[in-house]
Amino acid sequence: MTVHRLGKKPVSEFLIDLQQQTFLQNALLTGVFASIACGVIGSYVVTRRITYIAGGIAHSVLAGLGAARYCQVVFQWNWLHPLYGAVIAAIVAAVIIGLVSLKAKEREDTVIGAVWAIGMAIGILFIFKTPGYNENLMSYLFGNILMVSTVDLWLIVGLDILVVVIGILFYNQFLAVCFDEEFARIRGVNVDFYYLLLLCLTALTVVLLVTVVGIVMVIALLTLPVAVAGVFSKRLWQMMFLSAIFTILFTTVGLALSYGPDLPTGATTIVLAGVVYLAVILVARFVRAWRL
């Protein structure tokens, strides 16, 4: 799908087009649904301090995207959506990194770097060997929320429901694993299982966010709203709720601001989130200093 927009349009024009254009409605809903999963899992990721693992998973997603697109074009497997390949690649990367983190901690950084690099390299090779112009596939690398189709949206909704339900269902177990792993083991919690499950949920959330801001900037959207929410919350569930709200605001406002000047929506969203984060941190420090 190609979107043509001539000249600059104000935000009011965006609101008018939103009522008429399906691609804008899909983009808005994609941002909202992805934000919910981002708020829940992003809070776990930041609390557990596994952002670097999430980064490795995020960039390995390109291998699945490239392989799925290659099979679509070369073998005519039209049923194989690129997001299916992304899910498989993300889960495989999460399991590999998780097992190495649990069993061989001294090689953790090396394996994460290897999965990161090899995943991207495999994806680039598949993209290079796929006949035709891969504009849709490359949009996953840099993000193009305006390219989300109705089929993509339903896949995103399904992933979002799965991630949120499991994330909330095992809230207490994940809470124990994130804050005090040794105490959780003493209490009989299967730390290894829930850690791997958390990484798998992180992988699925990464796939959701790839459709919004792309592989390159996915970690920023996974962490910045959580960091902002952390300033206003004292409990993990509060952080989840607030970060989901902030992410919805960032994606929605980023979509509206980028629509008129025809700017990349993903980059606009991340810049907005970064500015808000810096502003909140500075104000919070000023308030603390003033109270002292």
Protein backbone atom coordinates (compact mmCIF):
# COMPACT_ATOMS: atom_id res chain seq x y z
CA MET A 1 0.00 0.00 0.00
CA THR A 2 1.38 3.41 -0.97
CA VAL A 3 0.30 6.54 0.83
CA HIS A 4 0.47 9.84 -1.04
CA ARG A 5 0.27 13.11 0.87
CA LEU A 6 1.03 16.47 -0.70
CA GLY A 7 2.18 19.41 1.33
CA LYS A 8 1.97 20.00 5.04
CA LYS A 9 -1.22 19.30 6.94
CA PRO A 10 -2.11 20.51 10.43
CA VAL A 11 -3.11 18.15 13.21
CA SER A 12 -6.75 19.08 12.58
CA GLU A 13 -6.40 17.62 9.08
CA PHE A 14 -5.04 14.44 10.64
CA LEU A 15 -8.15 14.16 12.82
CA ILE A 16 -10.38 14.59 9.77
CA ASP A 17 -8.46 12.01 7.74
CA LEU A 18 -8.50 9.64 10.70
CA GLN A 19 -12.28 9.35 10.36
CA GLN A 20 -12.05 8.50 6.66
CA GLN A 21 -8.79 6.63 6.01
CA THR A 22 -8.53 2.96 6.98
CA PHE A 23 -4.72 2.99 7.03
CA LEU A 24 -4.73 5.75 9.65
CA GLN A 25 -7.26 3.89 11.79
CA ASN A 26 -5.14 0.73 11.57
CA ALA A 27 -2.03 2.73 12.50
CA LEU A 28 -3.73 4.28 15.53
CA LEU A 29 -5.08 0.93 16.75
CA THR A 30 -1.69 -0.71 16.21
CA GLY A 31 -0.06 1.88 18.42
CA VAL A 32 -2.68 1.42 21.13
CA PHE A 33 -2.55 -2.38 21.20
CA ALA A 34 1.24 -2.54 21.04
CA SER A 35 1.42 0.02 23.85
CA ILE A 36 -0.54 -2.21 26.24
CA ALA A 37 1.90 -5.10 25.86
CA CYS A 38 4.80 -2.64 25.98
CA GLY A 39 3.61 -1.26 29.32
CA VAL A 40 3.31 -4.70 30.91
CA ILE A 41 6.44 -6.39 29.55
CA GLY A 42 8.55 -3.24 29.37
CA SER A 43 8.15 -2.83 33.13
CA TYR A 44 9.46 -6.36 33.68
CA VAL A 45 12.36 -5.77 31.28
CA VAL A 46 13.47 -2.56 32.99
CA THR A 47 13.00 -3.97 36.50
CA ARG A 48 14.90 -7.18 35.69
CA ARG A 49 17.55 -5.12 33.85
CA ILE A 50 17.51 -7.26 30.72
CA THR A 51 17.31 -4.44 28.19
CA TYR A 52 20.50 -5.66 26.52
CA ILE A 53 18.92 -9.12 26.08
CA ALA A 54 15.82 -7.50 24.59
CA GLY A 55 18.12 -5.67 22.18
CA GLY A 56 19.64 -8.92 20.98
CA ILE A 57 16.19 -10.43 20.49
CA ALA A 58 14.96 -7.34 18.65
CA HIS A 59 17.68 -7.35 16.03
CA SER A 60 17.52 -11.11 15.46
CA VAL A 61 13.90 -10.64 14.36
CA LEU A 62 15.17 -9.51 10.95
CA ALA A 63 16.21 -13.12 10.19
CA GLY A 64 12.62 -14.34 10.54
CA LEU A 65 11.22 -11.43 8.57
CA GLY A 66 13.67 -11.97 5.72
CA ALA A 67 13.18 -15.74 5.62
CA ALA A 68 9.40 -15.45 5.59
CA ARG A 69 9.45 -12.86 2.82
CA TYR A 70 11.86 -15.00 0.78
CA CYS A 71 9.55 -18.03 1.06
CA GLN A 72 6.60 -15.86 0.07
CA VAL A 73 8.24 -14.70 -3.14
CA VAL A 74 10.36 -17.68 -4.18
CA PHE A 75 8.18 -20.60 -3.06
CA GLN A 76 4.85 -18.75 -3.32
CA TRP A 77 4.01 -19.48 0.31
CA ASN A 78 1.52 -16.62 0.49
CA TRP A 79 0.15 -17.89 3.80
CA LEU A 80 3.50 -17.23 5.48
CA HIS A 81 3.16 -13.70 6.82
CA PRO A 82 6.45 -11.93 7.70
CA LEU A 83 5.22 -11.53 11.27
CA TYR A 84 5.06 -15.33 11.59
CA GLY A 85 8.75 -15.49 10.77
CA ALA A 86 9.43 -12.64 13.19
CA VAL A 87 7.70 -14.51 16.02
CA ILE A 88 9.66 -17.71 15.36
CA ALA A 89 13.01 -15.90 15.15
CA ALA A 90 12.30 -13.89 18.30
CA ILE A 91 11.30 -16.95 20.33
CA VAL A 92 14.35 -18.93 19.16
CA ALA A 93 16.66 -16.02 20.03
CA ALA A 94 14.99 -15.61 23.45
CA VAL A 95 15.40 -19.29 24.32
CA ILE A 96 19.04 -19.40 23.20
CA ILE A 97 19.98 -16.26 25.11
CA GLY A 98 17.96 -17.31 28.15
CA LEU A 99 19.55 -20.75 28.40
CA VAL A 100 23.03 -19.30 28.04
CA SER A 101 22.24 -16.67 30.70
CA LEU A 102 21.14 -19.41 33.09
CA LYS A 103 23.76 -22.05 32.34
CA ALA A 104 26.86 -20.19 31.18
CA LYS A 105 26.85 -16.65 32.54
CA GLU A 106 30.48 -16.05 31.73
CA ARG A 107 29.66 -16.18 27.98
CA GLU A 108 26.39 -14.27 28.13
CA ASP A 109 27.54 -11.04 26.46
CA THR A 110 29.30 -12.92 23.68
CA VAL A 111 26.26 -15.03 22.86
CA ILE A 112 23.93 -12.02 22.90
CA GLY A 113 26.25 -10.21 20.51
CA ALA A 114 26.47 -13.28 18.29
CA VAL A 115 22.69 -13.77 18.15
CA TRP A 116 22.26 -10.05 17.49
CA ALA A 117 24.76 -9.98 14.61
CA ILE A 118 23.95 -13.36 13.07
CA GLY A 119 20.20 -12.66 13.13
CA MET A 120 20.61 -9.38 11.29
CA ALA A 121 23.10 -10.87 8.85
CA ILE A 122 20.76 -13.74 7.96
CA GLY A 123 17.91 -11.29 7.47
CA ILE A 124 19.99 -9.09 5.17
CA LEU A 125 21.03 -12.13 3.10
CA PHE A 126 17.42 -13.20 2.63
CA ILE A 127 16.38 -9.66 1.70
CA PHE A 128 19.22 -9.46 -0.81
CA LYS A 129 18.25 -12.77 -2.44
CA THR A 130 14.52 -12.04 -2.56
CA PRO A 131 13.48 -10.94 -6.06
CA GLY A 132 11.68 -7.62 -6.38
CA TYR A 133 11.54 -4.49 -4.29
CA ASN A 134 11.16 -5.20 -0.58
CA GLU A 135 9.72 -1.89 0.59
CA ASN A 136 7.28 -3.55 2.98
CA LEU A 137 10.01 -5.68 4.55
CA MET A 138 12.41 -2.78 4.98
CA SER A 139 9.66 -0.87 6.78
CA TYR A 140 10.07 -3.35 9.63
CA LEU A 141 13.69 -2.28 9.97
CA PHE A 142 12.98 1.43 10.36
CA GLY A 143 9.28 1.31 11.21
CA ASN A 144 6.29 2.41 9.18
CA ILE A 145 3.11 2.18 11.16
CA LEU A 146 1.15 3.58 8.21
CA MET A 147 1.83 0.37 6.28
CA VAL A 148 -0.02 -1.86 8.77
CA SER A 149 -2.85 -3.70 7.02
CA THR A 150 -6.03 -5.08 8.54
CA VAL A 151 -4.49 -8.57 8.52
CA ASP A 152 -1.43 -7.24 10.36
CA LEU A 153 -3.69 -5.55 12.88
CA TRP A 154 -5.49 -8.78 13.75
CA LEU A 155 -2.16 -10.56 14.23
CA ILE A 156 -1.04 -7.76 16.51
CA VAL A 157 -4.26 -7.97 18.53
CA GLY A 158 -3.76 -11.73 18.98
CA LEU A 159 -0.17 -11.31 20.14
CA ASP A 160 -1.17 -8.46 22.43
CA ILE A 161 -3.87 -10.52 24.15
CA LEU A 162 -1.48 -13.44 24.62
CA VAL A 163 1.29 -11.29 26.09
CA VAL A 164 -0.95 -9.31 28.43
CA VAL A 165 -2.90 -12.32 29.72
CA ILE A 166 0.24 -14.34 30.52
CA GLY A 167 2.05 -11.28 31.89
CA ILE A 168 -0.78 -10.55 34.33
CA LEU A 169 -1.61 -14.20 35.10
CA PHE A 170 1.92 -14.85 36.39
CA TYR A 171 2.38 -11.40 37.90
CA ASN A 172 3.51 -12.64 41.33
CA GLN A 173 5.99 -15.15 39.87
CA PHE A 174 7.51 -12.57 37.53
CA LEU A 175 7.61 -10.06 40.38
CA ALA A 176 9.62 -12.50 42.50
CA VAL A 177 12.00 -13.33 39.65
CA CYS A 178 12.60 -9.65 38.85
CA PHE A 179 13.20 -8.35 42.37
CA ASP A 180 14.71 -11.21 44.37
CA GLU A 181 15.71 -14.29 42.41
CA GLU A 182 17.36 -16.09 45.33
CA PHE A 183 14.39 -15.59 47.64
CA ALA A 184 12.10 -16.85 44.89
CA ARG A 185 14.16 -20.05 44.61
CA ILE A 186 13.94 -20.56 48.38
CA ARG A 187 10.17 -20.16 48.20
CA GLY A 188 10.01 -22.90 45.57
CA VAL A 189 9.43 -20.74 42.50
CA ASN A 190 10.77 -22.29 39.29
CA VAL A 191 12.96 -19.30 38.49
CA ASP A 192 14.47 -20.78 35.32
CA PHE A 193 11.06 -21.52 33.79
CA TYR A 194 9.59 -18.11 34.55
CA TYR A 195 12.74 -16.35 33.39
CA LEU A 196 12.55 -18.11 30.03
CA LEU A 197 8.82 -17.40 29.84
CA LEU A 198 9.51 -13.73 30.52
CA LEU A 199 12.07 -13.65 27.72
CA CYS A 200 9.58 -15.28 25.35
CA LEU A 201 6.96 -12.65 26.24
CA THR A 202 9.62 -10.01 25.70
CA ALA A 203 10.26 -11.52 22.27
CA LEU A 204 6.57 -11.31 21.35
CA THR A 205 6.40 -7.71 22.60
CA VAL A 206 9.42 -6.86 20.46
CA VAL A 207 7.57 -8.23 17.41
CA LEU A 208 4.61 -5.99 18.28
CA LEU A 209 6.78 -2.90 18.63
CA VAL A 210 8.69 -3.63 15.42
CA THR A 211 5.50 -2.81 13.51
CA VAL A 212 5.35 0.57 15.28
CA VAL A 213 8.90 1.95 15.38
CA GLY A 214 11.01 -0.68 13.62
CA ILE A 215 13.83 -2.91 14.79
CA VAL A 216 16.35 -0.09 15.12
CA MET A 217 14.35 1.88 17.70
CA VAL A 218 12.32 -0.84 19.40
CA ILE A 219 14.35 -0.78 22.63
CA ALA A 220 13.74 2.95 23.06
CA LEU A 221 9.97 2.46 23.05
CA LEU A 222 10.31 -0.53 25.36
CA THR A 223 12.20 1.47 27.99
CA LEU A 224 11.52 5.22 27.75
CA PRO A 225 7.82 5.13 28.71
CA VAL A 226 8.67 2.80 31.59
CA ALA A 227 11.40 5.17 32.76
CA VAL A 228 8.92 8.07 32.73
CA ALA A 229 6.31 5.98 34.55
CA GLY A 230 8.89 4.98 37.17
CA VAL A 231 9.10 8.58 38.35
CA PHE A 232 5.39 8.60 39.25
CA SER A 233 4.96 5.05 40.58
CA LYS A 234 6.08 3.07 43.61
CA ARG A 235 4.69 -0.35 42.71
CA LEU A 236 5.24 -2.51 39.67
CA TRP A 237 1.57 -2.65 38.67
CA GLN A 238 1.41 1.13 38.82
CA MET A 239 4.45 1.33 36.56
CA MET A 240 2.78 -1.04 34.09
CA PHE A 241 -0.42 0.97 33.97
CA LEU A 242 1.28 4.36 33.63
CA SER A 243 3.83 3.18 31.07
CA ALA A 244 1.03 1.75 28.92
CA ILE A 245 -0.76 5.12 29.08
CA PHE A 246 2.43 7.02 28.26
CA THR A 247 3.20 4.69 25.34
CA ILE A 248 -0.29 5.18 23.94
CA LEU A 249 0.17 8.95 24.21
CA PHE A 250 3.61 8.84 22.58
CA THR A 251 2.51 6.67 19.65
CA THR A 252 -0.70 8.62 19.08
CA VAL A 253 0.86 12.07 19.30
CA GLY A 254 3.86 10.90 17.29
CA LEU A 255 1.52 9.67 14.55
CA ALA A 256 -0.37 12.96 14.52
CA LEU A 257 2.76 15.15 14.49
CA SER A 258 4.48 13.15 11.76
CA TYR A 259 1.43 12.96 9.47
CA GLY A 260 1.41 16.56 8.27
CA PRO A 261 5.13 17.12 7.49
CA ASP A 262 5.39 13.52 6.21
CA LEU A 263 8.07 12.57 8.77
CA PRO A 264 8.95 8.99 9.79
CA THR A 265 6.39 8.13 12.45
CA GLY A 266 8.68 5.82 14.42
CA ALA A 267 11.47 8.38 14.69
CA THR A 268 9.02 11.13 15.64
CA THR A 269 7.54 8.93 18.37
CA ILE A 270 10.96 8.14 19.84
CA VAL A 271 12.07 11.78 19.79
CA LEU A 272 8.85 12.75 21.56
CA ALA A 273 9.35 10.02 24.19
CA GLY A 274 12.98 11.06 24.68
CA VAL A 275 12.11 14.73 25.15
CA VAL A 276 9.39 13.90 27.68
CA TYR A 277 11.75 11.56 29.54
CA LEU A 278 14.49 14.20 29.81
CA ALA A 279 11.98 16.84 30.88
CA VAL A 280 10.48 14.59 33.57
CA ILE A 281 13.92 13.64 34.92
CA LEU A 282 15.06 17.27 35.09
CA VAL A 283 11.86 18.42 36.79
CA ALA A 284 12.01 15.54 39.27
CA ARG A 285 15.61 16.39 40.20
CA PHE A 286 14.73 20.06 40.57
CA VAL A 287 11.79 19.21 42.85
CA ARG A 288 13.97 16.93 45.02
CA ALA A 289 16.69 19.59 45.27
CA TRP A 290 14.11 22.27 46.15
CA ARG A 291 12.65 20.11 48.92
CA LEU A 292 16.10 19.60 50.43
